[in-house]
Amino acid sequence: MAEVTDAVFGAEVLGSALPVLVEFTADWCPPCRQMAPVLSALAEEEGDRLRVVQLNVDRNPATTNAYKVLSMPTFMVFRGGEPVKSMVGSRPKRRLLEELADVI
C-alpha cells in the first residue's frame, strides 16, 4: 500500500483517475496497525477500481489539518478531487466494503 505525503497529496489523491481511499494513520495508533492487513487485502482485491493509500498524520500536518482529521484511523474516499465519504475507526473488511459500495 502506498504512502502519500503533504507534498504529493494533490497529484496522487486529488488528481487520481480512480477513487482513492486514504487512511489517515499514525505509528502510535493500535487500531491503525490492526487495519493494515485489511487495507492491504482491499488494495490488492479492488485495485482496478479503487486506490488505497496511507497518510501519516504526524509527518503530514497540512493535509491532516485541511481535512480536519482528529481521530485515527480516519478513512476518506476522494473521487474527482473531492472527499465523498468519511469514516472513523477500525472495522472488518466486509463492513468496509459495504460502506464503500456507494462510492466506488
Protein backbone atom coordinates (compact mmCIF):
# COMPACT_ATOMS: atom_id res chain seq x y z
CA MET A 1 0.00 0.00 0.00
CA ALA A 2 1.36 3.37 -1.00
CA GLU A 3 2.07 6.18 1.43
CA VAL A 4 1.29 9.75 0.41
CA THR A 5 2.61 12.98 1.89
CA ASP A 6 1.53 16.62 2.01
CA ALA A 7 3.82 17.24 -0.97
CA VAL A 8 2.18 14.69 -3.29
CA PHE A 9 -1.38 14.59 -1.95
CA GLY A 10 -2.74 16.80 -4.72
CA ALA A 11 -1.23 14.78 -7.55
CA GLU A 12 -1.62 11.30 -6.05
CA VAL A 13 -5.06 11.64 -4.44
CA LEU A 14 -6.92 14.66 -5.76
CA GLY A 15 -5.66 14.10 -9.30
CA SER A 16 -6.29 10.36 -9.42
CA ALA A 17 -8.50 8.93 -12.17
CA LEU A 18 -9.65 6.24 -9.71
CA PRO A 19 -11.42 6.87 -6.42
CA VAL A 20 -8.85 6.90 -3.60
CA LEU A 21 -9.33 5.58 -0.08
CA VAL A 22 -6.97 7.48 2.22
CA GLU A 23 -6.25 6.10 5.67
CA PHE A 24 -5.12 8.89 7.98
CA THR A 25 -2.88 6.93 10.32
CA ALA A 26 -0.16 7.22 12.96
CA ASP A 27 2.64 4.93 14.08
CA TRP A 28 1.36 5.03 17.69
CA CYS A 29 -2.22 4.00 16.74
CA PRO A 30 -3.08 0.34 17.58
CA PRO A 31 -6.34 0.32 15.57
CA CYS A 32 -4.38 1.64 12.59
CA ARG A 33 -1.97 -1.29 12.83
CA GLN A 34 -4.99 -3.61 13.08
CA MET A 35 -6.31 -2.20 9.80
CA ALA A 36 -3.05 -2.69 7.87
CA PRO A 37 -3.78 -6.25 6.64
CA VAL A 38 -7.40 -5.32 5.85
CA LEU A 39 -6.31 -2.37 3.73
CA SER A 40 -3.55 -4.35 2.01
CA ALA A 41 -6.08 -7.03 1.03
CA LEU A 42 -8.54 -4.38 -0.13
CA ALA A 43 -5.86 -2.69 -2.24
CA GLU A 44 -4.98 -6.00 -3.87
CA GLU A 45 -8.56 -7.15 -4.47
CA GLU A 46 -10.08 -3.82 -5.57
CA GLY A 47 -7.03 -2.24 -7.23
CA ASP A 48 -8.73 -1.99 -10.62
CA ARG A 49 -11.46 0.30 -9.24
CA LEU A 50 -10.04 1.80 -6.03
CA ARG A 51 -6.64 3.09 -4.98
CA VAL A 52 -5.75 2.65 -1.28
CA VAL A 53 -3.12 4.88 0.35
CA GLN A 54 -1.97 5.91 3.82
CA LEU A 55 -1.09 9.36 5.12
CA ASN A 56 0.83 9.61 8.40
CA VAL A 57 -0.80 12.43 10.38
CA ASP A 58 2.30 13.18 12.45
CA ARG A 59 4.51 13.68 9.40
CA ASN A 60 1.88 15.43 7.25
CA PRO A 61 0.08 18.06 9.31
CA ALA A 62 -1.02 20.28 6.41
CA THR A 63 -3.28 17.68 4.81
CA THR A 64 -4.42 16.38 8.20
CA ASN A 65 -5.48 19.88 9.26
CA ALA A 66 -7.01 20.74 5.89
CA TYR A 67 -9.44 17.83 6.21
CA LYS A 68 -9.96 18.34 9.97
CA VAL A 69 -8.84 14.83 10.91
CA LEU A 70 -8.92 14.41 14.68
CA SER A 71 -9.16 10.64 15.25
CA MET A 72 -7.20 7.70 13.93
CA PRO A 73 -7.81 5.80 11.87
CA THR A 74 -9.92 8.10 9.72
CA PHE A 75 -10.76 6.91 6.24
CA MET A 76 -11.72 9.33 3.48
CA VAL A 77 -12.68 8.48 -0.06
CA PHE A 78 -11.78 11.06 -2.69
CA ARG A 79 -13.34 10.99 -6.13
CA GLY A 80 -12.79 13.65 -8.77
CA GLY A 81 -10.61 15.64 -6.37
CA GLU A 82 -13.28 15.89 -3.67
CA PRO A 83 -13.91 13.97 -0.45
CA VAL A 84 -17.10 11.96 -0.92
CA LYS A 85 -17.11 9.78 2.21
CA SER A 86 -15.52 9.78 5.65
CA MET A 87 -15.39 7.01 8.27
CA VAL A 88 -13.67 6.82 11.65
CA GLY A 89 -12.44 3.72 13.45
CA SER A 90 -11.33 0.22 12.57
CA ARG A 91 -13.74 -2.25 11.00
CA PRO A 92 -13.65 -5.66 9.34
CA LYS A 93 -13.06 -5.82 5.59
CA ARG A 94 -16.62 -6.95 4.85
CA ARG A 95 -18.09 -3.92 6.61
CA LEU A 96 -15.60 -1.57 4.99
CA LEU A 97 -16.58 -2.90 1.55
CA GLU A 98 -20.26 -2.42 2.37
CA GLU A 99 -19.60 1.18 3.38
CA LEU A 100 -17.59 1.83 0.23
CA ALA A 101 -20.15 0.29 -2.15
CA ASP A 102 -21.87 3.59 -2.90
CA VAL A 103 -18.65 5.49 -3.73
CA ILE A 104 -16.54 3.05 -5.78
